[in-house]
Amino acid sequence: MSNTKIEVGDYVDVFFTSSDALINGRVLYTPQDTGDSWRLVGDDGTLYYVQIFEKMIRVARGDMNVQG
């Protein structure tokens, strides 16, 4: 696992500039090309596709063997 990037399986907090919304979740997929979204799953199983955000913070390293 890299210490310089967020990877599949990591747990993250995602913050938005236009609202007070905050997403806490596990990364299922990282963008591979322009227009791709980050794919996250919350603790309650909610799926999120995130494309535009203010910042993303890795709060814990996760399992690289996550199936998304």
Protein backbone atom coordinates (compact mmCIF):
# COMPACT_ATOMS: atom_id res chain seq x y z
CA MET A 1 0.00 0.00 0.00
CA SER A 2 1.16 3.46 -0.81
CA ASN A 3 1.41 6.16 1.81
CA THR A 4 1.16 8.84 -0.90
CA LYS A 5 -2.28 8.10 -2.33
CA ILE A 6 -5.76 6.92 -1.44
CA GLU A 7 -6.39 3.39 -2.66
CA VAL A 8 -9.23 0.90 -2.97
CA GLY A 9 -10.20 -0.36 0.47
CA ASP A 10 -9.17 2.80 2.33
CA TYR A 11 -11.66 4.59 4.59
CA VAL A 12 -12.16 8.26 3.75
CA ASP A 13 -14.06 11.39 4.69
CA VAL A 14 -15.21 13.52 1.74
CA PHE A 15 -16.02 17.21 2.20
CA PHE A 16 -17.93 19.51 -0.17
CA THR A 17 -17.63 23.30 -0.64
CA SER A 18 -21.24 23.93 -1.63
CA SER A 19 -22.90 22.23 1.35
CA ASP A 20 -22.35 20.91 4.86
CA ALA A 21 -22.59 17.35 3.54
CA LEU A 22 -19.94 14.88 4.59
CA ILE A 23 -19.51 11.34 3.31
CA ASN A 24 -17.74 8.72 5.39
CA GLY A 25 -17.03 5.56 3.45
CA ARG A 26 -14.76 2.88 2.07
CA VAL A 27 -13.26 3.34 -1.40
CA LEU A 28 -14.49 0.76 -3.91
CA TYR A 29 -12.98 2.34 -7.04
CA THR A 30 -10.57 5.15 -7.84
CA PRO A 31 -10.92 7.26 -11.01
CA GLN A 32 -8.92 5.94 -13.95
CA ASP A 33 -9.74 8.59 -16.56
CA THR A 34 -11.22 12.04 -17.00
CA GLY A 35 -14.89 12.04 -16.04
CA ASP A 36 -14.63 8.98 -13.78
CA SER A 37 -16.07 9.11 -10.27
CA TRP A 38 -14.76 7.85 -6.98
CA ARG A 39 -17.01 4.98 -5.85
CA LEU A 40 -17.56 4.69 -2.12
CA VAL A 41 -19.76 2.62 0.17
CA GLY A 42 -20.97 3.93 3.52
CA ASP A 43 -21.22 1.88 6.70
CA ASP A 44 -24.95 1.49 6.07
CA GLY A 45 -24.35 0.10 2.56
CA THR A 46 -25.23 3.31 0.70
CA LEU A 47 -23.30 3.62 -2.57
CA TYR A 48 -21.85 7.00 -3.51
CA TYR A 49 -20.40 8.15 -6.82
CA VAL A 50 -18.33 11.27 -6.10
CA GLN A 51 -16.82 13.44 -8.80
CA ILE A 52 -16.52 17.00 -7.49
CA PHE A 53 -15.54 17.67 -3.88
CA GLU A 54 -13.42 20.05 -1.82
CA LYS A 55 -11.19 17.51 -0.11
CA MET A 56 -10.87 13.83 0.71
CA ILE A 57 -9.01 12.62 3.77
CA ARG A 58 -7.89 9.04 4.34
CA VAL A 59 -8.88 8.22 7.91
CA ALA A 60 -7.69 4.61 7.84
CA ARG A 61 -6.01 2.20 5.52
CA GLY A 62 -8.21 -0.60 4.32
CA ASP A 63 -8.22 -3.97 2.63
CA MET A 64 -6.97 -3.94 -0.98
CA ASN A 65 -9.11 -7.02 -1.71
CA VAL A 66 -12.40 -5.12 -1.63
CA GLN A 67 -14.93 -6.21 -4.22
CA GLY A 68 -16.79 -3.25 -5.73
